[in-house]
């Protein structure tokens, strides 16, 4: 079955960096677009970044220039490098495959001021 497992969340100070990873299994990963979403307390889930199967990327305005999404098709993984983190980046981050409607369990990122 389709499975997405995130890792890499944690507590970081404002201005710091974290790298999230998502391990995918159960489908032909290299042929699907992937995305990262986040949900802050009391807010709706929002798109952070996406990457097509060809590697074209798209970012939310709030993270442009700070976050980088990438994929490793050989390892069936999608990553999110997050730099210059801000307290407003605090959220649970989810890996998502839109075409398979699959979500990971989420990983918590907390940015302290």
PDB file of N, CA and C in Angstrom:
ATOM      1  N   UNK A   1       0.832  -1.178   0.000  1.00  0.00           N
ATOM      2  CA  UNK A   1       0.000   0.000   0.000  1.00  0.00           C
ATOM      3  C   UNK A   1       0.880   1.247   0.000  1.00  0.00           C
ATOM      4  N   UNK A   2       0.282   2.365  -0.420  1.00  0.00           N
ATOM      5  CA  UNK A   2       1.015   3.622  -0.459  1.00  0.00           C
ATOM      6  C   UNK A   2       1.340   4.063   0.960  1.00  0.00           C
ATOM      7  N   UNK A   3       2.604   4.428   1.160  1.00  0.00           N
ATOM      8  CA  UNK A   3       3.032   4.877   2.477  1.00  0.00           C
ATOM      9  C   UNK A   3       4.009   6.034   2.337  1.00  0.00           C
ATOM     10  N   UNK A   4       3.797   7.064   3.148  1.00  0.00           N
ATOM     11  CA  UNK A   4       4.692   8.216   3.214  1.00  0.00           C
ATOM     12  C   UNK A   4       5.082   8.413   4.667  1.00  0.00           C
ATOM     13  N   UNK A   5       6.394   8.472   4.917  1.00  0.00           N
ATOM     14  CA  UNK A   5       6.880   8.597   6.289  1.00  0.00           C
ATOM     15  C   UNK A   5       7.854   9.776   6.371  1.00  0.00           C
ATOM     16  N   UNK A   6       7.446  10.793   7.148  1.00  0.00           N
ATOM     17  CA  UNK A   6       8.278  11.983   7.308  1.00  0.00           C
ATOM     18  C   UNK A   6       9.252  11.827   8.467  1.00  0.00           C
ATOM     19  N   UNK A   7      10.333  12.567   8.375  1.00  0.00           N
ATOM     20  CA  UNK A   7      11.299  12.629   9.476  1.00  0.00           C
ATOM     21  C   UNK A   7      12.029  13.964   9.404  1.00  0.00           C
ATOM     22  N   UNK A   8      12.685  14.320  10.505  1.00  0.00           N
ATOM     23  CA  UNK A   8      13.529  15.504  10.495  1.00  0.00           C
ATOM     24  C   UNK A   8      13.004  16.706  11.240  1.00  0.00           C
ATOM     25  N   UNK A   9      11.790  16.625  11.758  1.00  0.00           N
ATOM     26  CA  UNK A   9      11.255  17.763  12.497  1.00  0.00           C
ATOM     27  C   UNK A   9      11.960  17.933  13.833  1.00  0.00           C
ATOM     28  N   UNK A  10      11.659  19.037  14.504  1.00  0.00           N
ATOM     29  CA  UNK A  10      12.258  19.281  15.807  1.00  0.00           C
ATOM     30  C   UNK A  10      12.137  20.724  16.214  1.00  0.00           C
ATOM     31  N   UNK A  11      12.890  21.080  17.246  1.00  0.00           N
ATOM     32  CA  UNK A  11      12.898  22.433  17.787  1.00  0.00           C
ATOM     33  C   UNK A  11      14.161  23.148  17.309  1.00  0.00           C
ATOM     34  N   UNK A  12      13.970  24.357  16.798  1.00  0.00           N
ATOM     35  CA  UNK A  12      15.100  25.141  16.295  1.00  0.00           C
ATOM     36  C   UNK A  12      14.869  26.601  16.638  1.00  0.00           C
ATOM     37  N   UNK A  13      15.953  27.340  16.811  1.00  0.00           N
ATOM     38  CA  UNK A  13      15.827  28.760  17.084  1.00  0.00           C
ATOM     39  C   UNK A  13      15.561  29.536  15.804  1.00  0.00           C
ATOM     40  N   UNK A  14      14.966  30.682  15.962  1.00  0.00           N
ATOM     41  CA  UNK A  14      14.716  31.562  14.828  1.00  0.00           C
ATOM     42  C   UNK A  14      16.022  31.829  14.086  1.00  0.00           C
ATOM     43  N   UNK A  15      15.969  31.725  12.752  1.00  0.00           N
ATOM     44  CA  UNK A  15      17.161  31.897  11.934  1.00  0.00           C
ATOM     45  C   UNK A  15      17.883  30.607  11.630  1.00  0.00           C
ATOM     46  N   UNK A  16      17.485  29.533  12.282  1.00  0.00           N
ATOM     47  CA  UNK A  16      18.128  28.241  12.100  1.00  0.00           C
ATOM     48  C   UNK A  16      17.607  27.488  10.886  1.00  0.00           C
ATOM     49  N   UNK A  17      18.088  26.260  10.745  1.00  0.00           N
ATOM     50  CA  UNK A  17      17.738  25.426   9.599  1.00  0.00           C
ATOM     51  C   UNK A  17      17.311  24.028  10.048  1.00  0.00           C
ATOM     52  N   UNK A  18      16.464  23.425   9.242  1.00  0.00           N
ATOM     53  CA  UNK A  18      16.078  22.025   9.406  1.00  0.00           C
ATOM     54  C   UNK A  18      15.902  21.417   8.031  1.00  0.00           C
ATOM     55  N   UNK A  19      16.095  20.107   7.963  1.00  0.00           N
ATOM     56  CA  UNK A  19      15.864  19.386   6.718  1.00  0.00           C
ATOM     57  C   UNK A  19      14.861  18.270   6.992  1.00  0.00           C
ATOM     58  N   UNK A  20      13.736  18.345   6.310  1.00  0.00           N
ATOM     59  CA  UNK A  20      12.712  17.306   6.416  1.00  0.00           C
ATOM     60  C   UNK A  20      12.883  16.312   5.272  1.00  0.00           C
ATOM     61  N   UNK A  21      12.615  15.058   5.577  1.00  0.00           N
ATOM     62  CA  UNK A  21      12.655  14.016   4.556  1.00  0.00           C
ATOM     63  C   UNK A  21      11.368  13.211   4.585  1.00  0.00           C
ATOM     64  N   UNK A  22      11.009  12.697   3.423  1.00  0.00           N
ATOM     65  CA  UNK A  22       9.814  11.861   3.303  1.00  0.00           C
ATOM     66  C   UNK A  22      10.183  10.630   2.488  1.00  0.00           C
ATOM     67  N   UNK A  23      10.042   9.466   3.098  1.00  0.00           N
ATOM     68  CA  UNK A  23      10.309   8.208   2.416  1.00  0.00           C
ATOM     69  C   UNK A  23       8.999   7.646   1.876  1.00  0.00           C
ATOM     70  N   UNK A  24       8.969   7.383   0.584  1.00  0.00           N
ATOM     71  CA  UNK A  24       7.756   6.904  -0.072  1.00  0.00           C
ATOM     72  C   UNK A  24       7.897   5.438  -0.451  1.00  0.00           C
ATOM     73  N   UNK A  25       6.785   4.727  -0.398  1.00  0.00           N
ATOM     74  CA  UNK A  25       6.784   3.332  -0.811  1.00  0.00           C
ATOM     75  C   UNK A  25       5.383   2.945  -1.276  1.00  0.00           C
ATOM     76  N   UNK A  26       5.319   1.871  -2.058  1.00  0.00           N
ATOM     77  CA  UNK A  26       4.034   1.331  -2.484  1.00  0.00           C
ATOM     78  C   UNK A  26       3.490   1.894  -3.781  1.00  0.00           C
ATOM     79  N   UNK A  27       4.271   2.746  -4.456  1.00  0.00           N
ATOM     80  CA  UNK A  27       3.838   3.269  -5.748  1.00  0.00           C
ATOM     81  C   UNK A  27       5.074   3.701  -6.537  1.00  0.00           C
ATOM     82  N   UNK A  28       4.855   3.989  -7.811  1.00  0.00           N
ATOM     83  CA  UNK A  28       5.960   4.358  -8.710  1.00  0.00           C
ATOM     84  C   UNK A  28       6.341   5.812  -8.474  1.00  0.00           C
ATOM     85  N   UNK A  29       7.098   6.031  -7.424  1.00  0.00           N
ATOM     86  CA  UNK A  29       7.411   7.371  -6.926  1.00  0.00           C
ATOM     87  C   UNK A  29       7.907   8.305  -8.023  1.00  0.00           C
ATOM     88  N   UNK A  30       8.795   7.841  -8.868  1.00  0.00           N
ATOM     89  CA  UNK A  30       9.450   8.728  -9.837  1.00  0.00           C
ATOM     90  C   UNK A  30       8.491   9.308 -10.872  1.00  0.00           C
ATOM     91  N   UNK A  31       7.294   8.764 -10.960  1.00  0.00           N
ATOM     92  CA  UNK A  31       6.338   9.228 -11.972  1.00  0.00           C
ATOM     93  C   UNK A  31       5.269  10.158 -11.410  1.00  0.00           C
ATOM     94  N   UNK A  32       5.393  10.509 -10.126  1.00  0.00           N
ATOM     95  CA  UNK A  32       4.377  11.335  -9.470  1.00  0.00           C
ATOM     96  C   UNK A  32       4.957  12.637  -8.927  1.00  0.00           C
ATOM     97  N   UNK A  33       4.141  13.693  -9.024  1.00  0.00           N
ATOM     98  CA  UNK A  33       4.477  14.924  -8.326  1.00  0.00           C
ATOM     99  C   UNK A  33       4.313  14.702  -6.823  1.00  0.00           C
ATOM    100  N   UNK A  34       5.090  15.453  -6.059  1.00  0.00           N
ATOM    101  CA  UNK A  34       5.039  15.369  -4.602  1.00  0.00           C
ATOM    102  C   UNK A  34       4.953  16.782  -4.025  1.00  0.00           C
ATOM    103  N   UNK A  35       4.536  16.863  -2.781  1.00  0.00           N
ATOM    104  CA  UNK A  35       4.383  18.186  -2.162  1.00  0.00           C
ATOM    105  C   UNK A  35       4.587  18.102  -0.658  1.00  0.00           C
ATOM    106  N   UNK A  36       4.905  19.257  -0.087  1.00  0.00           N
ATOM    107  CA  UNK A  36       4.921  19.435   1.365  1.00  0.00           C
ATOM    108  C   UNK A  36       3.833  20.439   1.730  1.00  0.00           C
ATOM    109  N   UNK A  37       3.060  20.101   2.727  1.00  0.00           N
ATOM    110  CA  UNK A  37       2.053  20.990   3.302  1.00  0.00           C
ATOM    111  C   UNK A  37       2.404  21.221   4.775  1.00  0.00           C
ATOM    112  N   UNK A  38       1.771  22.221   5.353  1.00  0.00           N
ATOM    113  CA  UNK A  38       1.927  22.428   6.791  1.00  0.00           C
ATOM    114  C   UNK A  38       0.619  22.914   7.386  1.00  0.00           C
ATOM    115  N   UNK A  39       0.464  22.642   8.671  1.00  0.00           N
ATOM    116  CA  UNK A  39      -0.714  23.103   9.390  1.00  0.00           C
ATOM    117  C   UNK A  39      -0.286  23.623  10.745  1.00  0.00           C
ATOM    118  N   UNK A  40      -0.483  24.917  10.939  1.00  0.00           N
ATOM    119  CA  UNK A  40      -0.179  25.553  12.212  1.00  0.00           C
ATOM    120  C   UNK A  40      -1.389  25.441  13.131  1.00  0.00           C
ATOM    121  N   UNK A  41      -1.191  25.539  14.435  1.00  0.00           N
ATOM    122  CA  UNK A  41      -2.320  25.434  15.368  1.00  0.00           C
ATOM    123  C   UNK A  41      -3.414  26.438  15.042  1.00  0.00           C
ATOM    124  N   UNK A  42      -4.641  25.958  14.919  1.00  0.00           N
ATOM    125  CA  UNK A  42      -5.776  26.826  14.657  1.00  0.00           C
ATOM    126  C   UNK A  42      -5.899  27.324  13.237  1.00  0.00           C
ATOM    127  N   UNK A  43      -5.052  26.826  12.348  1.00  0.00           N
ATOM    128  CA  UNK A  43      -5.086  27.284  10.960  1.00  0.00           C
ATOM    129  C   UNK A  43      -5.333  26.117  10.016  1.00  0.00           C
ATOM    130  N   UNK A  44      -5.710  26.472   8.780  1.00  0.00           N
ATOM    131  CA  UNK A  44      -5.923  25.443   7.769  1.00  0.00           C
ATOM    132  C   UNK A  44      -4.589  24.927   7.228  1.00  0.00           C
ATOM    133  N   UNK A  45      -4.629  23.715   6.742  1.00  0.00           N
ATOM    134  CA  UNK A  45      -3.446  23.152   6.108  1.00  0.00           C
ATOM    135  C   UNK A  45      -3.159  23.934   4.830  1.00  0.00           C
ATOM    136  N   UNK A  46      -1.883  24.247   4.588  1.00  0.00           N
ATOM    137  CA  UNK A  46      -1.519  25.026   3.420  1.00  0.00           C
ATOM    138  C   UNK A  46      -0.350  24.399   2.673  1.00  0.00           C
ATOM    139  N   UNK A  47      -0.318  24.647   1.368  1.00  0.00           N
ATOM    140  CA  UNK A  47       0.773  24.157   0.541  1.00  0.00           C
ATOM    141  C   UNK A  47       2.035  24.960   0.824  1.00  0.00           C
ATOM    142  N   UNK A  48       3.139  24.259   1.033  1.00  0.00           N
ATOM    143  CA  UNK A  48       4.432  24.901   1.242  1.00  0.00           C
ATOM    144  C   UNK A  48       5.243  24.874  -0.045  1.00  0.00           C
ATOM    145  N   UNK A  49       5.359  23.699  -0.650  1.00  0.00           N
ATOM    146  CA  UNK A  49       6.158  23.545  -1.861  1.00  0.00           C
ATOM    147  C   UNK A  49       5.735  22.273  -2.574  1.00  0.00           C
ATOM    148  N   UNK A  50       5.943  22.265  -3.893  1.00  0.00           N
ATOM    149  CA  UNK A  50       5.647  21.076  -4.673  1.00  0.00           C
ATOM    150  C   UNK A  50       6.739  20.867  -5.711  1.00  0.00           C
ATOM    151  N   UNK A  51       6.825  19.632  -6.185  1.00  0.00           N
ATOM    152  CA  UNK A  51       7.825  19.289  -7.197  1.00  0.00           C
ATOM    153  C   UNK A  51       7.208  18.268  -8.146  1.00  0.00           C
ATOM    154  N   UNK A  52       7.314  18.527  -9.452  1.00  0.00           N
ATOM    155  CA  UNK A  52       6.777  17.596 -10.436  1.00  0.00           C
ATOM    156  C   UNK A  52       7.704  16.396 -10.584  1.00  0.00           C
ATOM    157  N   UNK A  53       7.255  15.407 -11.336  1.00  0.00           N
ATOM    158  CA  UNK A  53       8.103  14.229 -11.523  1.00  0.00           C
ATOM    159  C   UNK A  53       9.344  14.580 -12.335  1.00  0.00           C
ATOM    160  N   UNK A  54       9.259  15.704 -13.094  1.00  0.00           N
ATOM    161  CA  UNK A  54      10.426  16.147 -13.854  1.00  0.00           C
ATOM    162  C   UNK A  54      11.341  17.049 -13.034  1.00  0.00           C
ATOM    163  N   UNK A  55      10.886  17.434 -11.834  1.00  0.00           N
ATOM    164  CA  UNK A  55      11.720  18.258 -10.986  1.00  0.00           C
ATOM    165  C   UNK A  55      11.393  19.744 -10.987  1.00  0.00           C
ATOM    166  N   UNK A  56      10.312  20.128 -11.630  1.00  0.00           N
ATOM    167  CA  UNK A  56       9.903  21.538 -11.588  1.00  0.00           C
ATOM    168  C   UNK A  56       9.289  21.838 -10.229  1.00  0.00           C
ATOM    169  N   UNK A  57       9.647  22.989  -9.672  1.00  0.00           N
ATOM    170  CA  UNK A  57       9.240  23.298  -8.304  1.00  0.00           C
ATOM    171  C   UNK A  57       8.328  24.518  -8.223  1.00  0.00           C
ATOM    172  N   UNK A  58       7.577  24.577  -7.136  1.00  0.00           N
ATOM    173  CA  UNK A  58       6.679  25.697  -6.880  1.00  0.00           C
ATOM    174  C   UNK A  58       6.655  25.925  -5.372  1.00  0.00           C
ATOM    175  N   UNK A  59       6.605  27.200  -4.961  1.00  0.00           N
ATOM    176  CA  UNK A  59       6.681  27.523  -3.532  1.00  0.00           C
ATOM    177  C   UNK A  59       5.610  28.518  -3.128  1.00  0.00           C
ATOM    178  N   UNK A  60       5.180  28.408  -1.890  1.00  0.00           N
ATOM    179  CA  UNK A  60       4.330  29.442  -1.314  1.00  0.00           C
ATOM    180  C   UNK A  60       5.166  30.715  -1.186  1.00  0.00           C
ATOM    181  N   UNK A  61       4.513  31.852  -1.350  1.00  0.00           N
ATOM    182  CA  UNK A  61       5.230  33.119  -1.278  1.00  0.00           C
ATOM    183  C   UNK A  61       5.965  33.281   0.049  1.00  0.00           C
ATOM    184  N   UNK A  62       5.372  32.768   1.095  1.00  0.00           N
ATOM    185  CA  UNK A  62       5.925  32.967   2.435  1.00  0.00           C
ATOM    186  C   UNK A  62       7.250  32.231   2.660  1.00  0.00           C
ATOM    187  N   UNK A  63       7.568  31.259   1.794  1.00  0.00           N
ATOM    188  CA  UNK A  63       8.799  30.485   1.998  1.00  0.00           C
ATOM    189  C   UNK A  63       9.787  30.630   0.851  1.00  0.00           C
ATOM    190  N   UNK A  64       9.416  31.358  -0.182  1.00  0.00           N
ATOM    191  CA  UNK A  64      10.306  31.529  -1.331  1.00  0.00           C
ATOM    192  C   UNK A  64      11.635  32.134  -0.894  1.00  0.00           C
ATOM    193  N   UNK A  65      12.719  31.562  -1.395  1.00  0.00           N
ATOM    194  CA  UNK A  65      14.045  32.046  -1.056  1.00  0.00           C
ATOM    195  C   UNK A  65      14.590  31.468   0.239  1.00  0.00           C
ATOM    196  N   UNK A  66      13.748  30.783   1.005  1.00  0.00           N
ATOM    197  CA  UNK A  66      14.201  30.198   2.279  1.00  0.00           C
ATOM    198  C   UNK A  66      14.132  28.667   2.265  1.00  0.00           C
ATOM    199  N   UNK A  67      13.125  28.125   1.598  1.00  0.00           N
ATOM    200  CA  UNK A  67      12.925  26.673   1.561  1.00  0.00           C
ATOM    201  C   UNK A  67      13.270  26.138   0.173  1.00  0.00           C
ATOM    202  N   UNK A  68      13.757  24.910   0.137  1.00  0.00           N
ATOM    203  CA  UNK A  68      14.053  24.244  -1.127  1.00  0.00           C
ATOM    204  C   UNK A  68      13.531  22.815  -1.086  1.00  0.00           C
ATOM    205  N   UNK A  69      12.683  22.484  -2.055  1.00  0.00           N
ATOM    206  CA  UNK A  69      12.184  21.123  -2.178  1.00  0.00           C
ATOM    207  C   UNK A  69      13.028  20.383  -3.214  1.00  0.00           C
ATOM    208  N   UNK A  70      13.303  19.118  -2.938  1.00  0.00           N
ATOM    209  CA  UNK A  70      14.082  18.309  -3.879  1.00  0.00           C
ATOM    210  C   UNK A  70      13.607  16.861  -3.786  1.00  0.00           C
ATOM    211  N   UNK A  71      13.986  16.070  -4.767  1.00  0.00           N
ATOM    212  CA  UNK A  71      13.609  14.662  -4.752  1.00  0.00           C
ATOM    213  C   UNK A  71      14.781  13.810  -5.192  1.00  0.00           C
ATOM    214  N   UNK A  72      14.818  12.604  -4.654  1.00  0.00           N
ATOM    215  CA  UNK A  72      15.809  11.606  -5.033  1.00  0.00           C
ATOM    216  C   UNK A  72      15.033  10.378  -5.480  1.00  0.00           C
ATOM    217  N   UNK A  73      14.855  10.249  -6.786  1.00  0.00           N
ATOM    218  CA  UNK A  73      14.033   9.156  -7.302  1.00  0.00           C
ATOM    219  C   UNK A  73      14.678   7.791  -7.064  1.00  0.00           C
ATOM    220  N   UNK A  74      15.996   7.753  -6.969  1.00  0.00           N
ATOM    221  CA  UNK A  74      16.674   6.480  -6.713  1.00  0.00           C
ATOM    222  C   UNK A  74      16.361   5.957  -5.312  1.00  0.00           C
ATOM    223  N   UNK A  75      16.119   6.885  -4.391  1.00  0.00           N
ATOM    224  CA  UNK A  75      15.836   6.499  -3.008  1.00  0.00           C
ATOM    225  C   UNK A  75      14.366   6.642  -2.637  1.00  0.00           C
ATOM    226  N   UNK A  76      13.535   7.062  -3.612  1.00  0.00           N
ATOM    227  CA  UNK A  76      12.114   7.286  -3.341  1.00  0.00           C
ATOM    228  C   UNK A  76      11.909   8.257  -2.183  1.00  0.00           C
ATOM    229  N   UNK A  77      12.615   9.376  -2.254  1.00  0.00           N
ATOM    230  CA  UNK A  77      12.522  10.345  -1.172  1.00  0.00           C
ATOM    231  C   UNK A  77      12.304  11.752  -1.717  1.00  0.00           C
ATOM    232  N   UNK A  78      11.579  12.546  -0.946  1.00  0.00           N
ATOM    233  CA  UNK A  78      11.422  13.964  -1.219  1.00  0.00           C
ATOM    234  C   UNK A  78      11.830  14.714   0.046  1.00  0.00           C
ATOM    235  N   UNK A  79      12.589  15.784  -0.154  1.00  0.00           N
ATOM    236  CA  UNK A  79      13.156  16.523   0.968  1.00  0.00           C
ATOM    237  C   UNK A  79      12.712  17.983   0.957  1.00  0.00           C
ATOM    238  N   UNK A  80      12.768  18.587   2.117  1.00  0.00           N
ATOM    239  CA  UNK A  80      12.482  20.014   2.234  1.00  0.00           C
ATOM    240  C   UNK A  80      13.566  20.631   3.114  1.00  0.00           C
ATOM    241  N   UNK A  81      14.448  21.393   2.483  1.00  0.00           N
ATOM    242  CA  UNK A  81      15.475  22.118   3.219  1.00  0.00           C
ATOM    243  C   UNK A  81      14.902  23.463   3.629  1.00  0.00           C
ATOM    244  N   UNK A  82      14.906  23.736   4.926  1.00  0.00           N
ATOM    245  CA  UNK A  82      14.300  24.958   5.446  1.00  0.00           C
ATOM    246  C   UNK A  82      15.381  25.793   6.129  1.00  0.00           C
ATOM    247  N   UNK A  83      15.641  26.949   5.577  1.00  0.00           N
ATOM    248  CA  UNK A  83      16.637  27.865   6.121  1.00  0.00           C
ATOM    249  C   UNK A  83      15.972  29.147   6.609  1.00  0.00           C
ATOM    250  N   UNK A  84      16.705  29.905   7.397  1.00  0.00           N
ATOM    251  CA  UNK A  84      16.201  31.190   7.919  1.00  0.00           C
ATOM    252  C   UNK A  84      14.812  31.032   8.511  1.00  0.00           C
ATOM    253  N   UNK A  85      14.653  30.025   9.332  1.00  0.00           N
ATOM    254  CA  UNK A  85      13.339  29.721   9.896  1.00  0.00           C
ATOM    255  C   UNK A  85      12.844  30.832  10.807  1.00  0.00           C
ATOM    256  N   UNK A  86      11.525  31.015  10.789  1.00  0.00           N
ATOM    257  CA  UNK A  86      10.863  32.048  11.578  1.00  0.00           C
ATOM    258  C   UNK A  86       9.847  31.390  12.512  1.00  0.00           C
ATOM    259  N   UNK A  87       9.490  32.048  13.592  1.00  0.00           N
ATOM    260  CA  UNK A  87       8.473  31.469  14.480  1.00  0.00           C
ATOM    261  C   UNK A  87       7.171  31.138  13.748  1.00  0.00           C
ATOM    262  N   UNK A  88       6.826  31.913  12.744  1.00  0.00           N
ATOM    263  CA  UNK A  88       5.592  31.638  12.004  1.00  0.00           C
ATOM    264  C   UNK A  88       5.673  30.403  11.109  1.00  0.00           C
ATOM    265  N   UNK A  89       6.849  29.804  11.006  1.00  0.00           N
ATOM    266  CA  UNK A  89       6.991  28.532  10.295  1.00  0.00           C
ATOM    267  C   UNK A  89       6.617  27.344  11.186  1.00  0.00           C
ATOM    268  N   UNK A  90       6.369  27.590  12.455  1.00  0.00           N
ATOM    269  CA  UNK A  90       5.990  26.528  13.380  1.00  0.00           C
ATOM    270  C   UNK A  90       4.697  25.872  12.915  1.00  0.00           C
ATOM    271  N   UNK A  91       4.748  24.559  12.733  1.00  0.00           N
ATOM    272  CA  UNK A  91       3.600  23.814  12.217  1.00  0.00           C
ATOM    273  C   UNK A  91       3.938  22.326  12.180  1.00  0.00           C
ATOM    274  N   UNK A  92       2.915  21.538  11.931  1.00  0.00           N
ATOM    275  CA  UNK A  92       3.135  20.139  11.565  1.00  0.00           C
ATOM    276  C   UNK A  92       3.270  20.102  10.048  1.00  0.00           C
ATOM    277  N   UNK A  93       4.338  19.499   9.580  1.00  0.00           N
ATOM    278  CA  UNK A  93       4.621  19.433   8.150  1.00  0.00           C
ATOM    279  C   UNK A  93       4.286  18.036   7.633  1.00  0.00           C
ATOM    280  N   UNK A  94       3.558  18.022   6.508  1.00  0.00           N
ATOM    281  CA  UNK A  94       3.082  16.770   5.933  1.00  0.00           C
ATOM    282  C   UNK A  94       3.619  16.576   4.523  1.00  0.00           C
ATOM    283  N   UNK A  95       4.005  15.372   4.242  1.00  0.00           N
ATOM    284  CA  UNK A  95       4.349  14.955   2.889  1.00  0.00           C
ATOM    285  C   UNK A  95       3.070  14.496   2.189  1.00  0.00           C
ATOM    286  N   UNK A  96       2.938  14.818   0.891  1.00  0.00           N
ATOM    287  CA  UNK A  96       1.688  14.521   0.183  1.00  0.00           C
ATOM    288  C   UNK A  96       1.957  14.137  -1.263  1.00  0.00           C
ATOM    289  N   UNK A  97       1.273  13.104  -1.719  1.00  0.00           N
ATOM    290  CA  UNK A  97       1.260  12.754  -3.130  1.00  0.00           C
ATOM    291  C   UNK A  97      -0.148  13.034  -3.646  1.00  0.00           C
ATOM    292  N   UNK A  98      -0.329  14.134  -4.370  1.00  0.00           N
ATOM    293  CA  UNK A  98      -1.683  14.541  -4.776  1.00  0.00           C
ATOM    294  C   UNK A  98      -2.418  13.498  -5.616  1.00  0.00           C
ATOM    295  N   UNK A  99      -1.726  12.909  -6.577  1.00  0.00           N
ATOM    296  CA  UNK A  99      -2.406  11.991  -7.490  1.00  0.00           C
ATOM    297  C   UNK A  99      -2.833  10.699  -6.817  1.00  0.00           C
ATOM    298  N   UNK A 100      -2.157  10.323  -5.739  1.00  0.00           N
ATOM    299  CA  UNK A 100      -2.529   9.123  -4.997  1.00  0.00           C
ATOM    300  C   UNK A 100      -3.328   9.475  -3.751  1.00  0.00           C
ATOM    301  N   UNK A 101      -3.548  10.765  -3.531  1.00  0.00           N
ATOM    302  CA  UNK A 101      -4.262  11.254  -2.350  1.00  0.00           C
ATOM    303  C   UNK A 101      -3.693  10.631  -1.075  1.00  0.00           C
ATOM    304  N   UNK A 102      -2.392  10.615  -0.999  1.00  0.00           N
ATOM    305  CA  UNK A 102      -1.710   9.994   0.141  1.00  0.00           C
ATOM    306  C   UNK A 102      -1.031  11.057   0.991  1.00  0.00           C
ATOM    307  N   UNK A 103      -1.109  10.880   2.303  1.00  0.00           N
ATOM    308  CA  UNK A 103      -0.504  11.808   3.259  1.00  0.00           C
ATOM    309  C   UNK A 103       0.366  11.024   4.247  1.00  0.00           C
ATOM    310  N   UNK A 104       1.434  11.662   4.675  1.00  0.00           N
ATOM    311  CA  UNK A 104       2.208  11.103   5.770  1.00  0.00           C
ATOM    312  C   UNK A 104       1.555  11.453   7.094  1.00  0.00           C
ATOM    313  N   UNK A 105       2.196  11.001   8.175  1.00  0.00           N
ATOM    314  CA  UNK A 105       1.627  11.232   9.507  1.00  0.00           C
ATOM    315  C   UNK A 105       1.972  12.617  10.044  1.00  0.00           C
ATOM    316  N   UNK A 106       2.920  13.267   9.423  1.00  0.00           N
ATOM    317  CA  UNK A 106       3.310  14.612   9.837  1.00  0.00           C
ATOM    318  C   UNK A 106       4.505  14.611  10.773  1.00  0.00           C
ATOM    319  N   UNK A 107       5.257  15.698  10.715  1.00  0.00           N
ATOM    320  CA  UNK A 107       6.387  15.892  11.624  1.00  0.00           C
ATOM    321  C   UNK A 107       6.349  17.332  12.121  1.00  0.00           C
ATOM    322  N   UNK A 108       6.534  17.501  13.422  1.00  0.00           N
ATOM    323  CA  UNK A 108       6.368  18.815  14.040  1.00  0.00           C
ATOM    324  C   UNK A 108       7.657  19.625  13.939  1.00  0.00           C
ATOM    325  N   UNK A 109       7.503  20.846  13.463  1.00  0.00           N
ATOM    326  CA  UNK A 109       8.602  21.817  13.433  1.00  0.00           C
ATOM    327  C   UNK A 109       8.219  22.967  14.348  1.00  0.00           C
ATOM    328  N   UNK A 110       9.072  23.242  15.320  1.00  0.00           N
ATOM    329  CA  UNK A 110       8.843  24.342  16.247  1.00  0.00           C
ATOM    330  C   UNK A 110      10.025  25.298  16.170  1.00  0.00           C
ATOM    331  N   UNK A 111       9.718  26.562  15.875  1.00  0.00           N
ATOM    332  CA  UNK A 111      10.751  27.585  15.770  1.00  0.00           C
ATOM    333  C   UNK A 111      10.570  28.562  16.918  1.00  0.00           C
ATOM    334  N   UNK A 112      11.556  28.646  17.779  1.00  0.00           N
ATOM    335  CA  UNK A 112      11.478  29.533  18.935  1.00  0.00           C
ATOM    336  C   UNK A 112      12.071  30.895  18.597  1.00  0.00           C
ATOM    337  N   UNK A 113      11.508  31.911  19.212  1.00  0.00           N
ATOM    338  CA  UNK A 113      11.979  33.276  18.933  1.00  0.00           C
ATOM    339  C   UNK A 113      13.112  33.669  19.869  1.00  0.00           C
TER     340      UNK A 113
END
